Amino acid sequence: MTMRRKCLAVFAAALALVTVVSAPASAAPVTCAAPVPSTTHPGYLVFDPACDVSGAVFTPLTGARIYTGIRDGAAYRVEVPAKWNGKLVVYAHGYRGTGNVVYVDNPALRAHYIATGYAWAASSYATNGYDVGQGVRDSYAMIDTFRQVTGVKARSVIMSGASMGGQVTAVAIERFPRAFDAAMPYCGVLGDTKLYDYFLDANVTAAALADVKIDFPLTPPADYQAQWRAQTARITAALGVKAGSAPVLTAAGKTWSEAVERRTGGDRPGFASAFAYWNAVPSLAPLNDLPFLFGLYPGLTGGTGGIAAGNVTDNQYTYYRLSDRPLPTLGELRLNAEVLRVRHTATADPGLAGIPKVNGTPSIPVLSLHDVGDLFVPFSMEQEYARRTLAHGRGNLFVSRAIRGVGHCDFTEAELTTAFDDLTTWVHTGRRPAGDAILNRRAVADDSFGCRFTDGAHPNYAAAPCPAKTAAPPAPPRM
């Protein structure tokens, strides 16, 4: 998820919490005021949806009408084009940390939705943190909120979301299968607790290769963060990794890179640039003095993800690979013998509590995009969802597109626009659009993987250039 926290410089207008509030294009100028207390979650404040956190007023695009308000402790926005086609996109945002202010913003494809006749609606959710269940409830409620504020029921609804919002999307279409006609998650956590398994894998393999003994306390003591910082300093020194600068990998660091590559999607072009990028950037607060992945060690929170009732991570039976050879290497045998093993005490929730499970049972078309070099929510999330849909006989309803970028949710407008248009064409015609063979190991490892749907520049991604696209031959002259 791209962290776009902006300074809370100018606050939004106070709203009546129990009233649907609308702000059509003809409304008087909005005066921003302070956030208001949540009526559903004590301690939370709800930022006025009529203003952005930057202080800018939310205004309609040309010819469109906007509606803003607060429902059940969640702020919302709705925008309807002048020539509405009767269809609605519900957008789910990503993870926003654990602060106590919730706010709503616009989807990346806002202008494209309006230009092509689609209305859109988005919720702030009533909570922050990794609360996917709340995101599902509040996003689903937007369908009814849309009907209330516009006076018209949408005849078709598409669910879409980024990062954590991708998991919100995947869970919502399974929880409410009759409510949606298609879905477009992107950079999404489509493997639920497998994301936390990956965070575990990255850290325990790093520790084993650095020969640093670590533990995994189910109830971390008060000084555990300081203890982990000290351990991380020894690990990163042994690997050649340091936040704020490009890594200079030791032999152990290069082996760790091989392990991480195979846990995040397999051998693929551009991984070296992705590994360098993510090991140079700092982690999330309050551990932003550490290289990125080390601040995400699940042991820091007892493996709960800050939301589950117990430890959701597990690597009891994980076999870590360092190469694609058919037989284990001596290095793999040593790594798997020495790595810390962790047993889960909780699992993905079948409902909306904790970390909700993504079953992989879509009943509608799903088109997703993912950066091949994303090491926050890794490319392997796409592969996990693809395997689950195939296991349930739903593989024909899922299309995945690989994008040659290293950032999280690093997509160009052209990539997202093409994906959305192809998804809506799929809905209209029934013809499944093209995607990438993300479960084919050889296809993923090919130097041209990700070229087909990448459209635009992606800074920090470095790989062999894509083959030049051959222009279609000119049509024969009419006689």
Protein backbone atom coordinates (compact mmCIF):
# COMPACT_ATOMS: atom_id res chain seq x y z
CA MET A 1 0.00 0.00 0.00
CA THR A 2 1.42 3.49 -0.82
CA MET A 3 1.56 5.46 2.45
CA ARG A 4 0.13 8.87 1.57
CA ARG A 5 -0.31 10.39 4.97
CA LYS A 6 -0.38 14.09 4.49
CA CYS A 7 -0.13 16.76 7.13
CA LEU A 8 -3.43 17.32 8.91
CA ALA A 9 -3.07 21.05 8.32
CA VAL A 10 -6.65 22.10 7.73
CA PHE A 11 -9.48 20.13 9.24
CA ALA A 12 -12.81 19.22 7.69
CA ALA A 13 -16.31 20.49 8.29
CA ALA A 14 -18.21 19.13 11.28
CA LEU A 15 -21.09 16.91 10.16
CA ALA A 16 -24.16 15.48 11.85
CA LEU A 17 -23.22 11.84 12.41
CA VAL A 18 -26.71 10.40 12.04
CA THR A 19 -27.69 12.26 8.90
CA VAL A 20 -26.92 11.47 5.31
CA VAL A 21 -25.14 14.58 4.08
CA SER A 22 -24.80 15.42 0.39
CA ALA A 23 -22.71 18.00 -1.40
CA PRO A 24 -23.88 18.35 -5.00
CA ALA A 25 -21.89 20.42 -7.45
CA SER A 26 -24.14 23.42 -6.97
CA ALA A 27 -23.62 23.52 -3.19
CA ALA A 28 -22.11 26.56 -1.49
CA PRO A 29 -18.35 26.50 -0.82
CA VAL A 30 -17.39 24.15 2.01
CA THR A 31 -15.71 25.51 5.11
CA CYS A 32 -13.31 23.01 6.65
CA ALA A 33 -13.55 22.43 10.38
CA ALA A 34 -12.36 19.91 12.97
CA PRO A 35 -12.87 16.14 12.74
CA VAL A 36 -15.75 14.76 14.78
CA PRO A 37 -15.75 11.90 17.28
CA SER A 38 -16.85 8.51 15.99
CA THR A 39 -20.22 7.32 17.25
CA THR A 40 -19.30 3.67 16.79
CA HIS A 41 -15.64 3.35 17.86
CA PRO A 42 -14.67 5.38 20.94
CA GLY A 43 -11.36 7.14 20.58
CA TYR A 44 -11.61 7.50 16.80
CA LEU A 45 -12.09 10.78 14.97
CA VAL A 46 -13.77 11.00 11.57
CA PHE A 47 -12.23 13.41 9.11
CA ASP A 48 -14.79 15.37 7.10
CA PRO A 49 -15.11 13.73 3.67
CA ALA A 50 -15.81 17.12 2.07
CA CYS A 51 -12.12 17.97 2.53
CA ASP A 52 -8.86 16.17 1.86
CA VAL A 53 -6.32 15.76 4.67
CA SER A 54 -4.15 18.24 2.77
CA GLY A 55 -6.82 20.87 3.36
CA ALA A 56 -8.11 20.91 -0.23
CA VAL A 57 -11.86 20.84 -0.68
CA PHE A 58 -13.28 17.78 -2.45
CA THR A 59 -14.86 19.17 -5.62
CA PRO A 60 -16.68 17.37 -8.44
CA LEU A 61 -15.18 16.73 -11.83
CA THR A 62 -16.77 18.60 -14.71
CA GLY A 63 -20.47 17.81 -14.96
CA ALA A 64 -20.46 15.36 -12.07
CA ARG A 65 -22.33 15.47 -8.76
CA ILE A 66 -20.72 14.59 -5.44
CA TYR A 67 -22.14 13.45 -2.12
CA THR A 68 -20.26 13.20 1.15
CA GLY A 69 -21.22 12.14 4.64
CA ILE A 70 -20.62 9.92 7.64
CA ARG A 71 -22.36 6.61 8.21
CA ASP A 72 -21.80 4.36 11.23
CA GLY A 73 -18.51 6.03 12.10
CA ALA A 74 -17.12 5.88 8.53
CA ALA A 75 -16.75 8.84 6.17
CA TYR A 76 -17.81 8.34 2.56
CA ARG A 77 -17.67 9.95 -0.85
CA VAL A 78 -19.86 9.34 -3.88
CA GLU A 79 -19.47 10.84 -7.36
CA VAL A 80 -21.90 10.44 -10.25
CA PRO A 81 -21.18 11.60 -13.83
CA ALA A 82 -23.67 13.68 -15.77
CA LYS A 83 -24.18 10.83 -18.24
CA TRP A 84 -24.33 7.97 -15.78
CA ASN A 85 -24.49 4.48 -17.25
CA GLY A 86 -26.24 3.07 -14.19
CA LYS A 87 -23.11 1.31 -12.95
CA LEU A 88 -21.11 1.80 -9.77
CA VAL A 89 -17.53 1.10 -8.67
CA VAL A 90 -16.99 0.62 -4.93
CA TYR A 91 -13.36 1.38 -4.05
CA ALA A 92 -11.58 -0.02 -0.97
CA HIS A 93 -8.44 1.76 0.26
CA GLY A 94 -5.31 0.13 1.70
CA TYR A 95 -3.66 -0.01 5.12
CA ARG A 96 -3.33 3.36 6.86
CA GLY A 97 -1.40 2.55 10.00
CA THR A 98 -2.89 2.54 13.47
CA GLY A 99 -3.73 6.20 14.02
CA ASN A 100 -7.08 7.28 15.45
CA VAL A 101 -8.24 9.47 12.52
CA VAL A 102 -10.13 7.82 9.65
CA TYR A 103 -10.50 9.59 6.32
CA VAL A 104 -11.77 8.89 2.83
CA ASP A 105 -10.02 9.73 -0.42
CA ASN A 106 -10.45 9.20 -4.14
CA PRO A 107 -9.61 6.11 -6.21
CA ALA A 108 -6.71 6.31 -8.65
CA LEU A 109 -9.10 5.82 -11.57
CA ARG A 110 -11.58 8.49 -10.47
CA ALA A 111 -11.31 10.53 -13.69
CA HIS A 112 -11.56 7.43 -15.87
CA TYR A 113 -14.65 6.19 -14.05
CA ILE A 114 -16.43 9.50 -14.56
CA ALA A 115 -15.28 9.86 -18.18
CA THR A 116 -16.64 6.41 -19.07
CA GLY A 117 -19.97 6.88 -17.30
CA TYR A 118 -19.31 5.01 -14.06
CA ALA A 119 -20.22 6.37 -10.65
CA TRP A 120 -17.92 5.54 -7.74
CA ALA A 121 -18.20 5.34 -3.98
CA ALA A 122 -15.58 4.95 -1.26
CA SER A 123 -15.48 4.61 2.51
CA SER A 124 -12.85 5.59 5.09
CA TYR A 125 -13.81 2.48 7.12
CA ALA A 126 -14.68 3.09 10.75
CA THR A 127 -11.27 1.85 11.95
CA ASN A 128 -7.63 1.83 10.94
CA GLY A 129 -5.14 -1.00 11.37
CA TYR A 130 -5.31 -4.24 9.40
CA ASP A 131 -9.07 -4.49 9.95
CA VAL A 132 -10.17 -6.15 6.71
CA GLY A 133 -13.52 -7.18 8.18
CA GLN A 134 -14.44 -3.58 8.93
CA GLY A 135 -13.34 -2.63 5.44
CA VAL A 136 -15.66 -5.28 3.98
CA ARG A 137 -18.64 -4.16 6.05
CA ASP A 138 -18.19 -0.48 5.31
CA SER A 139 -17.47 -1.01 1.61
CA TYR A 140 -20.53 -3.24 1.17
CA ALA A 141 -22.62 -0.60 2.98
CA MET A 142 -21.65 1.88 0.25
CA ILE A 143 -24.02 0.16 -2.17
CA ASP A 144 -26.97 1.08 0.04
CA THR A 145 -25.49 4.49 0.87
CA PHE A 146 -25.28 5.19 -2.85
CA ARG A 147 -28.97 4.36 -3.25
CA GLN A 148 -29.89 6.58 -0.31
CA VAL A 149 -27.99 9.68 -1.35
CA THR A 150 -28.75 9.51 -5.08
CA GLY A 151 -32.25 8.09 -4.87
CA VAL A 152 -31.33 5.47 -7.52
CA LYS A 153 -30.12 1.89 -7.18
CA ALA A 154 -27.08 0.98 -9.24
CA ARG A 155 -27.91 -1.78 -11.69
CA SER A 156 -24.37 -3.16 -11.67
CA VAL A 157 -21.54 -2.95 -9.12
CA ILE A 158 -17.80 -3.54 -9.52
CA MET A 159 -15.64 -3.98 -6.40
CA SER A 160 -12.06 -2.72 -6.52
CA GLY A 161 -9.31 -2.09 -4.00
CA ALA A 162 -5.58 -1.68 -3.52
CA SER A 163 -3.24 -3.50 -1.12
CA MET A 164 -5.25 -4.31 2.03
CA GLY A 165 -8.19 -3.08 -0.03
CA GLY A 166 -7.39 -5.93 -2.41
CA GLN A 167 -8.11 -8.38 0.40
CA VAL A 168 -11.24 -6.38 1.27
CA THR A 169 -12.26 -6.85 -2.37
CA ALA A 170 -11.53 -10.59 -2.45
CA VAL A 171 -13.39 -11.21 0.81
CA ALA A 172 -16.35 -8.97 -0.09
CA ILE A 173 -17.14 -10.76 -3.36
CA GLU A 174 -17.17 -14.09 -1.53
CA ARG A 175 -19.14 -12.84 1.46
CA PHE A 176 -21.72 -11.02 -0.71
CA PRO A 177 -21.56 -12.87 -4.05
CA ARG A 178 -24.84 -11.47 -5.39
CA ALA A 179 -23.89 -7.85 -4.77
CA PHE A 180 -21.11 -7.57 -7.35
CA ASP A 181 -20.68 -8.19 -11.07
CA ALA A 182 -16.88 -8.04 -11.28
CA ALA A 183 -13.82 -7.25 -9.18
CA MET A 184 -10.46 -5.55 -9.72
CA PRO A 185 -8.06 -5.93 -6.81
CA TYR A 186 -4.53 -4.70 -7.39
CA CYS A 187 -1.34 -5.11 -5.36
CA GLY A 188 -3.71 -7.04 -3.13
CA VAL A 189 -3.23 -9.33 -0.14
CA LEU A 190 -4.99 -12.19 -1.92
CA GLY A 191 -3.40 -14.86 0.27
CA ASP A 192 -4.67 -13.58 3.67
CA THR A 193 -2.32 -14.89 6.42
CA LYS A 194 0.23 -16.06 3.84
CA LEU A 195 1.41 -12.45 3.86
CA TYR A 196 2.43 -12.80 7.50
CA ASP A 197 4.06 -16.16 6.76
CA TYR A 198 6.21 -14.33 4.22
CA PHE A 199 7.22 -11.70 6.78
CA LEU A 200 8.18 -14.57 9.09
CA ASP A 201 10.09 -16.40 6.35
CA ALA A 202 12.13 -13.34 5.39
CA ASN A 203 13.25 -12.71 8.95
CA VAL A 204 13.93 -16.24 10.18
CA THR A 205 15.97 -17.11 7.08
CA ALA A 206 17.96 -13.88 7.47
CA ALA A 207 18.70 -14.74 11.10
CA ALA A 208 19.70 -18.32 10.30
CA LEU A 209 22.02 -17.27 7.48
CA ALA A 210 23.57 -14.60 9.70
CA ASP A 211 23.98 -17.15 12.51
CA VAL A 212 22.01 -14.98 14.94
CA LYS A 213 19.68 -16.75 17.36
CA ILE A 214 16.23 -15.17 17.57
CA ASP A 215 12.96 -16.14 19.20
CA PHE A 216 9.25 -15.69 18.61
CA PRO A 217 7.45 -14.69 21.83
CA LEU A 218 3.70 -15.18 21.68
CA THR A 219 3.46 -12.43 24.28
CA PRO A 220 6.35 -10.04 23.57
CA PRO A 221 7.80 -8.40 26.71
CA ALA A 222 8.02 -4.64 27.00
CA ASP A 223 11.67 -4.60 26.01
CA TYR A 224 11.29 -6.91 23.02
CA GLN A 225 11.46 -4.11 20.47
CA ALA A 226 14.86 -3.05 21.84
CA GLN A 227 16.00 -6.67 21.87
CA TRP A 228 14.93 -7.09 18.24
CA ARG A 229 16.76 -3.93 17.21
CA ALA A 230 19.97 -5.32 18.70
CA GLN A 231 19.49 -8.65 16.96
CA THR A 232 18.67 -6.95 13.67
CA ALA A 233 21.86 -4.90 13.85
CA ARG A 234 23.88 -8.12 13.98
CA ILE A 235 21.80 -9.78 11.23
CA THR A 236 21.99 -6.89 8.78
CA ALA A 237 25.71 -6.43 9.35
CA ALA A 238 26.26 -10.09 8.49
CA LEU A 239 24.10 -9.76 5.36
CA GLY A 240 25.42 -6.41 4.11
CA VAL A 241 22.09 -4.59 4.46
CA LYS A 242 21.55 -1.12 5.86
CA ALA A 243 18.50 1.15 5.79
CA GLY A 244 19.09 4.33 3.81
CA SER A 245 21.73 2.95 1.48
CA ALA A 246 22.03 0.37 -1.25
CA PRO A 247 23.00 -3.06 0.14
CA VAL A 248 26.48 -4.42 -0.39
CA LEU A 249 25.62 -8.06 0.03
CA THR A 250 27.92 -10.52 1.71
CA ALA A 251 27.89 -14.19 0.73
CA ALA A 252 25.21 -14.74 3.38
CA GLY A 253 23.26 -11.77 2.01
CA LYS A 254 23.31 -13.19 -1.51
CA THR A 255 22.02 -16.50 -0.21
CA TRP A 256 19.27 -14.66 1.65
CA SER A 257 18.33 -12.91 -1.60
CA GLU A 258 17.89 -16.31 -3.25
CA ALA A 259 15.64 -17.48 -0.41
CA VAL A 260 13.49 -14.33 -0.52
CA GLU A 261 13.17 -14.49 -4.31
CA ARG A 262 11.74 -17.99 -4.16
CA ARG A 263 9.37 -17.15 -1.29
CA THR A 264 7.99 -14.14 -3.18
CA GLY A 265 7.15 -15.66 -6.56
CA GLY A 266 10.19 -17.51 -7.87
CA ASP A 267 13.07 -16.68 -10.17
CA ARG A 268 11.96 -13.64 -12.22
CA PRO A 269 13.44 -10.69 -14.09
CA GLY A 270 14.32 -7.58 -12.14
CA PHE A 271 14.49 -9.24 -8.73
CA ALA A 272 17.98 -7.90 -7.97
CA SER A 273 16.73 -4.33 -8.36
CA ALA A 274 13.70 -5.08 -6.19
CA PHE A 275 15.84 -6.64 -3.47
CA ALA A 276 18.18 -3.65 -3.48
CA TYR A 277 15.27 -1.20 -3.37
CA TRP A 278 13.43 -2.80 -0.47
CA ASN A 279 16.58 -3.30 1.60
CA ALA A 280 17.55 0.35 1.23
CA VAL A 281 14.23 1.88 2.29
CA PRO A 282 13.36 2.14 6.00
CA SER A 283 10.58 0.15 7.61
CA LEU A 284 7.30 1.44 8.98
CA ALA A 285 7.12 3.48 12.18
CA PRO A 286 8.03 2.96 14.96
CA LEU A 287 10.74 0.72 13.50
CA ASN A 288 11.66 3.03 10.65
CA ASP A 289 15.30 2.91 11.69
CA LEU A 290 15.46 -0.68 10.40
CA PRO A 291 15.66 -1.97 6.81
CA PHE A 292 12.13 -2.50 5.56
CA LEU A 293 11.45 -6.20 6.05
CA PHE A 294 12.97 -6.33 9.53
CA GLY A 295 10.40 -3.92 10.92
CA LEU A 296 7.68 -6.36 9.83
CA TYR A 297 8.85 -9.36 11.86
CA PRO A 298 5.62 -11.00 13.15
CA GLY A 299 7.30 -11.85 16.46
CA LEU A 300 7.10 -8.16 17.37
CA THR A 301 3.34 -8.53 17.87
CA GLY A 302 3.11 -12.20 18.74
CA GLY A 303 2.12 -12.94 15.16
CA THR A 304 -1.31 -11.38 15.51
CA GLY A 305 -1.01 -8.79 12.79
CA GLY A 306 -2.45 -6.44 15.41
CA ILE A 307 -5.93 -7.85 14.77
CA ALA A 308 -6.05 -11.66 15.14
CA ALA A 309 -6.69 -13.50 18.42
CA GLY A 310 -3.39 -15.37 18.24
CA ASN A 311 -0.33 -16.06 16.11
CA VAL A 312 -1.38 -16.57 12.49
CA THR A 313 2.12 -17.33 11.16
CA ASP A 314 3.53 -20.80 10.67
CA ASN A 315 6.59 -22.32 9.03
CA GLN A 316 6.60 -25.77 10.63
CA TYR A 317 6.57 -27.53 7.28
CA THR A 318 8.01 -24.82 5.05
CA TYR A 319 10.98 -25.97 3.02
CA TYR A 320 13.15 -23.05 2.03
CA ARG A 321 14.70 -23.20 -1.43
CA LEU A 322 17.77 -21.39 -2.68
CA SER A 323 17.70 -22.66 -6.25
CA ASP A 324 15.43 -24.38 -8.74
CA ARG A 325 17.41 -27.60 -8.80
CA PRO A 326 15.28 -30.74 -8.44
CA LEU A 327 17.30 -32.02 -5.47
CA PRO A 328 18.13 -30.06 -2.29
CA THR A 329 21.55 -28.46 -2.09
CA LEU A 330 23.81 -28.67 0.94
CA GLY A 331 23.07 -25.01 1.66
CA GLU A 332 19.32 -25.67 1.62
CA LEU A 333 19.67 -28.62 3.95
CA ARG A 334 21.70 -26.53 6.37
CA LEU A 335 19.30 -23.57 6.22
CA ASN A 336 16.23 -25.72 6.82
CA ALA A 337 17.91 -27.46 9.74
CA GLU A 338 18.90 -24.20 11.44
CA VAL A 339 15.96 -21.87 10.76
CA LEU A 340 13.64 -20.98 13.65
CA ARG A 341 10.35 -22.89 13.40
CA VAL A 342 7.08 -21.29 14.51
CA ARG A 343 3.69 -22.92 15.08
CA HIS A 344 0.45 -20.99 14.55
CA THR A 345 -2.13 -20.61 17.31
CA ALA A 346 -4.77 -18.93 15.11
CA THR A 347 -5.80 -19.11 11.46
CA ALA A 348 -7.49 -16.93 8.90
CA ASP A 349 -11.04 -16.32 10.07
CA PRO A 350 -13.91 -17.85 8.04
CA GLY A 351 -15.98 -14.75 8.76
CA LEU A 352 -15.01 -11.12 9.15
CA ALA A 353 -13.12 -11.29 12.43
CA GLY A 354 -9.34 -11.21 12.79
CA ILE A 355 -7.76 -11.65 9.38
CA PRO A 356 -10.59 -12.91 7.14
CA LYS A 357 -9.90 -15.89 4.92
CA VAL A 358 -9.76 -15.54 1.14
CA ASN A 359 -11.16 -18.82 -0.13
CA GLY A 360 -10.51 -18.31 -3.81
CA THR A 361 -14.13 -18.97 -4.79
CA PRO A 362 -15.13 -15.98 -6.93
CA SER A 363 -18.43 -16.25 -8.77
CA ILE A 364 -17.71 -13.22 -10.94
CA PRO A 365 -14.82 -12.12 -13.19
CA VAL A 366 -11.73 -10.99 -11.27
CA LEU A 367 -8.84 -9.15 -12.95
CA SER A 368 -5.80 -8.28 -10.83
CA LEU A 369 -2.44 -6.54 -11.28
CA HIS A 370 0.75 -6.94 -9.25
CA ASP A 371 4.29 -5.58 -9.42
CA VAL A 372 6.76 -8.44 -9.84
CA GLY A 373 9.25 -6.61 -7.60
CA ASP A 374 6.85 -5.72 -4.79
CA LEU A 375 8.42 -7.07 -1.57
CA PHE A 376 5.86 -5.55 0.79
CA VAL A 377 2.85 -7.44 -0.53
CA PRO A 378 4.76 -9.86 -2.74
CA PHE A 379 3.90 -11.21 -6.16
CA SER A 380 3.37 -14.63 -4.55
CA MET A 381 0.00 -13.33 -3.27
CA GLU A 382 -1.25 -13.50 -6.87
CA GLN A 383 0.05 -17.03 -7.24
CA GLU A 384 -1.60 -18.13 -4.00
CA TYR A 385 -4.97 -16.80 -5.15
CA ALA A 386 -4.54 -18.43 -8.56
CA ARG A 387 -3.88 -21.80 -6.90
CA ARG A 388 -6.93 -21.41 -4.68
CA THR A 389 -9.22 -20.54 -7.57
CA LEU A 390 -7.95 -23.54 -9.54
CA ALA A 391 -8.47 -25.84 -6.55
CA HIS A 392 -12.11 -24.73 -6.41
CA GLY A 393 -12.67 -24.97 -10.16
CA ARG A 394 -12.82 -21.17 -10.51
CA GLY A 395 -9.56 -20.57 -12.36
CA ASN A 396 -11.40 -19.37 -15.45
CA LEU A 397 -12.74 -16.43 -13.44
CA PHE A 398 -9.31 -15.08 -12.49
CA VAL A 399 -6.88 -13.15 -14.70
CA SER A 400 -3.60 -11.84 -13.33
CA ARG A 401 -1.26 -9.32 -14.95
CA ALA A 402 2.38 -8.87 -13.99
CA ILE A 403 3.81 -5.34 -14.06
CA ARG A 404 7.55 -4.69 -14.20
CA GLY A 405 7.87 -2.46 -11.16
CA VAL A 406 9.50 -2.72 -7.73
CA GLY A 407 7.26 -0.45 -5.66
CA HIS A 408 4.09 -1.30 -3.82
CA CYS A 409 1.04 -0.48 -5.94
CA ASP A 410 3.42 1.03 -8.49
CA PHE A 411 1.09 1.20 -11.49
CA THR A 412 0.74 3.77 -14.23
CA GLU A 413 -2.64 5.22 -15.06
CA ALA A 414 -2.46 3.47 -18.42
CA GLU A 415 -1.96 0.06 -16.80
CA LEU A 416 -4.92 0.51 -14.46
CA THR A 417 -7.11 2.00 -17.17
CA THR A 418 -6.47 -0.84 -19.60
CA ALA A 419 -7.16 -3.40 -16.89
CA PHE A 420 -10.45 -1.77 -15.93
CA ASP A 421 -11.60 -1.47 -19.53
CA ASP A 422 -10.68 -5.11 -20.21
CA LEU A 423 -12.56 -6.18 -17.09
CA THR A 424 -15.71 -4.32 -18.08
CA THR A 425 -15.48 -5.74 -21.60
CA TRP A 426 -15.23 -9.21 -20.05
CA VAL A 427 -18.44 -8.52 -18.13
CA HIS A 428 -20.24 -7.20 -21.20
CA THR A 429 -19.12 -9.82 -23.71
CA GLY A 430 -18.22 -12.85 -21.63
CA ARG A 431 -14.82 -13.02 -23.35
CA ARG A 432 -12.02 -13.59 -20.82
CA PRO A 433 -9.16 -11.12 -21.37
CA ALA A 434 -5.50 -12.05 -21.61
CA GLY A 435 -3.28 -12.39 -18.57
CA ASP A 436 0.11 -13.75 -17.56
CA ALA A 437 0.92 -17.39 -16.83
CA ILE A 438 1.89 -16.65 -13.24
CA LEU A 439 1.95 -20.31 -12.15
CA ASN A 440 4.27 -21.38 -14.96
CA ARG A 441 7.75 -21.31 -13.43
CA ARG A 442 9.50 -21.06 -16.80
CA ALA A 443 7.23 -18.26 -17.98
CA VAL A 444 7.85 -16.28 -14.77
CA ALA A 445 11.63 -16.76 -15.09
CA ASP A 446 11.70 -15.65 -18.72
CA ASP A 447 13.47 -12.35 -19.37
CA SER A 448 10.32 -10.95 -21.01
CA PHE A 449 7.97 -11.75 -18.11
CA GLY A 450 5.80 -8.76 -17.28
CA CYS A 451 6.40 -7.03 -20.60
CA ARG A 452 2.97 -7.64 -22.06
CA PHE A 453 0.99 -5.43 -19.68
CA THR A 454 3.61 -2.98 -18.46
CA ASP A 455 2.82 0.42 -19.96
CA GLY A 456 5.02 3.26 -18.82
CA ALA A 457 8.08 3.96 -16.73
CA HIS A 458 8.71 2.28 -13.38
CA PRO A 459 11.65 3.88 -11.55
CA ASN A 460 14.10 1.60 -9.74
CA TYR A 461 13.13 -1.48 -11.76
CA ALA A 462 16.09 -2.84 -13.74
CA ALA A 463 16.03 -5.88 -16.04
CA ALA A 464 16.75 -6.85 -19.60
CA PRO A 465 14.65 -4.60 -21.85
CA CYS A 466 11.39 -5.89 -23.22
CA PRO A 467 11.35 -7.01 -26.85
CA ALA A 468 10.21 -4.28 -29.20
CA LYS A 469 6.51 -4.52 -29.86
CA THR A 470 5.78 -5.26 -33.47
CA ALA A 471 3.28 -2.92 -35.03
CA ALA A 472 0.28 -4.50 -36.66
CA PRO A 473 0.59 -4.73 -40.45
CA PRO A 474 -1.37 -2.08 -42.34
CA ALA A 475 -4.77 -3.06 -43.61
CA PRO A 476 -4.93 -3.85 -47.31
CA PRO A 477 -6.35 -1.07 -49.47
CA ARG A 478 -10.03 -1.29 -50.30
CA MET A 479 -10.82 -2.02 -53.90
